[in-house]
Amino acid sequence: MKMKIPKRVAVLLSLTLTIGSVSLDISSAQSKNTTSEGLVGTGRWETAIKVSSNGWSSATDAVIVNDSSIADALSATPFAKAKNAPILLTSKTSLDSRTKAELKRLGVKNVYLIGGKSALNDNVENQLRAEGISIERISGIDRYETSLQLVKKLDAIKSINEIAVVNGEKGLADAVSVGAPAAQNNIPIILSSPTKGTQVADSFIKSKSLKTSYVIGGESVVSKEVENKLPNRVRLAGNTRNETNAKVIEQFYSNADLKNAYVTKDGSKGDNQLIDALSVGVLAAKNNSPVVLAGSSLNSQQRNLLNTKNFDKIIQVGGGGNEAAFNDLKKDQTKNTYKVEDVDELEDALKKVTANDVIDFDADDDDIDENFAIRTDKAITVNLDGKFTERITINMPNGDVTNDGEIEKLVIENLKQGKFTNDGEIETLIIEKSENVDILNGRNGDIDTLEVESDADDVKIENKGDIDTLRNDASGTKLDDSGDINRKTGKRDLDDDDDDDDDDDDDDDRVTSVEIKGPDEIQVNEDEEYDVRVRGKGSYSKKVKWSIKSGESKTKAEITSDGVLTAEKTGTVVIKAVSKSNSRKYDTLEIEVVNEKKSSVKNVEDKIKALPDVKDLTLNDESKVNEAEKAYNDLGNDKGKVSSENTKKLNDSVAKIKELKNDKEKADKVNKMIEALPKVSDLKTADKKHVEEANDAYKDLTDSQKTFISKENKTKLENALSKIKDL
């Protein structure tokens, strides 16, 4: 039907429809749908070829291993990843015809043979050379020497600072388990002998300044004696190979959202079953995705851990024993949506959910007037809508939460790998002890008070809507503000990515953004009345009807009689028409308010000239440099009108800020090393190594980097060095 509405509203909404209106029915936020596929050949050779075809359209290098001698190839995955080379299989005595065809498809020019001639004999070499392919053999007198040669090859490509140690006899499953993350992070895999430990590689290990030595497997496979000889050791172990696999995934894949999960056999029925996991390791590393070693079904620890992840795709690699585990993981990752209307139904849904599921808590019919908590480690999404008059507590380290309703008080205890999005109204939002919290206050979001408590750490806030008071007592809180914040307070400063200079917005600097013209009539789905709200820079700070009060001399934004929108500030203005009877029905129009004066070449040159000399720049000048760079880039084709002198100064300033940030990042690592040392008065002989490591790291810094070491830490390090000399 057609409905008469005030002209100011009509022209706004008619323009929305002209440029492409959104539906008046809003859909709930949804988790992604997980798909599945198989990389399954008729045998191990063809499975390896399917993996290669999936990951490489072409390749200069390839790695070839004996399909029946996995021991030599255990350490090959990180090296293959560094060479961007697929791992292919052949027999001991001849080049498999299918593998040869794959080498041709890829256009391979160099092949690395892993293992001695007892693993891949001269005939394999001759057949490869006949194809015009260069050969390099990487081998030693045994698997331990071969492992060491691969470690050295990897180190020559990119210097290593971490290692992974596995048992070379009983730890084959552990080796392929850690293969993908090791390859992803440039970590070589060192084989430990049951009788000699890491003796073969000890000299190499001592020659490197290792920040971490990962010991993979329990003490029955890598002894405590071997572990204790390694620097900065971290053991990843379970009671079974599958539990160890879960520990590895937990350690190296902390994000809740991951691309793929590659499900392979775990070798429990024979070590040669592990060849599929070896073949897929490089592809998994390329996609930052884990390899799941599975028996006839998923181990409970694996299943619990994988339920904290959302995967884009579940991929079966090879067949003959991993089908049930593959199907279990597919089932767990299938998205189910639970519709709940009260707290009891919510708690019941939380008990049933698995990864990827969605809970829609729609309390529109009745207010929720009781405290409740949303606690789960599953990687799920919870959508809140309705009116909640008491406290809501969130502890979802792997989940996402969206609010479209009205909440009196919301406390976030833990949302480490997820995100909280607000497109509704919240009276008080408190972030307690959580780390790495990601908060988005959307363009329609309204928060009266947002408090970041002192125990929180590394909180990221993106504001596109309205916040009346933002109080920050925590270190490391980052703010990206393109909305309205009335007041910022607290004990700690914010790292503000959008520090606007309101002094530039003079009363006489009103700008036009877009002409809004159209009929005074609009067709809607139902006979309803709509409020019109304005948000964003240059708009009202609260939800108000779009109206201009008579006699008002300074409106934040208005439509003039000739259909022109004017505003006091640059930025994004969001005009929203909301149904009075159902707030979930709306239409929006976003308008970018552009100040033509401030986008001029002269304005850009003024910003560049106002920057300090490049040699005098500090990180405190970063926002000014970023602002000048953005203004310069906004000139588009007019960038050439900026003088060469100013262009050079801007480019040099951008490079200097980048250099300073890199210097600070490197210095911060040393600061943390020094801060981790015991008090000087508490130092013991056992701490000598850590003090020396901190001192070596400090000495490796450049003079510029050393300026970011705090005075307290310099003094502490000097005193610590003096103290250990006396021990």
Foldseek 3Di string as FASTA:
>chain_A
DWDFDDQQVQLAVVVCVVVPWDFLFDDFDAFAFAAAEELADPDLQSSLLSLCVVQAQAAQEAEEWELVDCLQCLQVLLLCLLRVYFYGYDHQEARDPVVVVSCVSRVYAEYEYGEDSSTHNVRHVVVCVVVNHHYDYQYDPDSQSSLLSSLVSLCVSPNDQEEEEWASPPGSLQSLLLSQLCNLRSYTYGHQYPVRGRVVCVVVQVVHNHCEYEYQEDCVTPNPVNQVSHPRYDYQYDPDSQSSSLSSCVVRPVAQEFAEEEEAARQPVHSSSCSQSSRNSSVCSVRVYGYHHDFLAHDPSNQQSNQLHAYNYYYYRYDDGRVRHSVVSSVLNGEDEAEAAAQVSLVVVLVVHGARYEYEHANAPDEHEDEDERDDSGAYEYEAAHHYEDEYEYAHQRYEYEYAYEEAEYEYAEPQNYAYEYLHEYAEYEYEQYENYEYEDDQNGEYAEYEYDQNYYQYEYEYNHAYAEYEYAYPNYEYEYQWDYNYYYYDDDYNYLCDDDCVVQDPVQKAWFDFRDDDSMDDDDDPFAWFKAKTTQLADRDGDGQDDDPPDDDHSWHQDPRRIIIHRDFGKMKIKIATPVDRSGIIIDITGTDRPVCLDLVNLLVLLVPDPALVPDDLVCVSSLVVSVVSLVVNPVCNVVRDPVSVVSSVSNVVSNVVLVVLLVLLVVLLVLLVPQPFLVPDDLVCVVSLVSSVVSLVPHDPSSNVNRDPVSVVRSVSNVVSNVVD
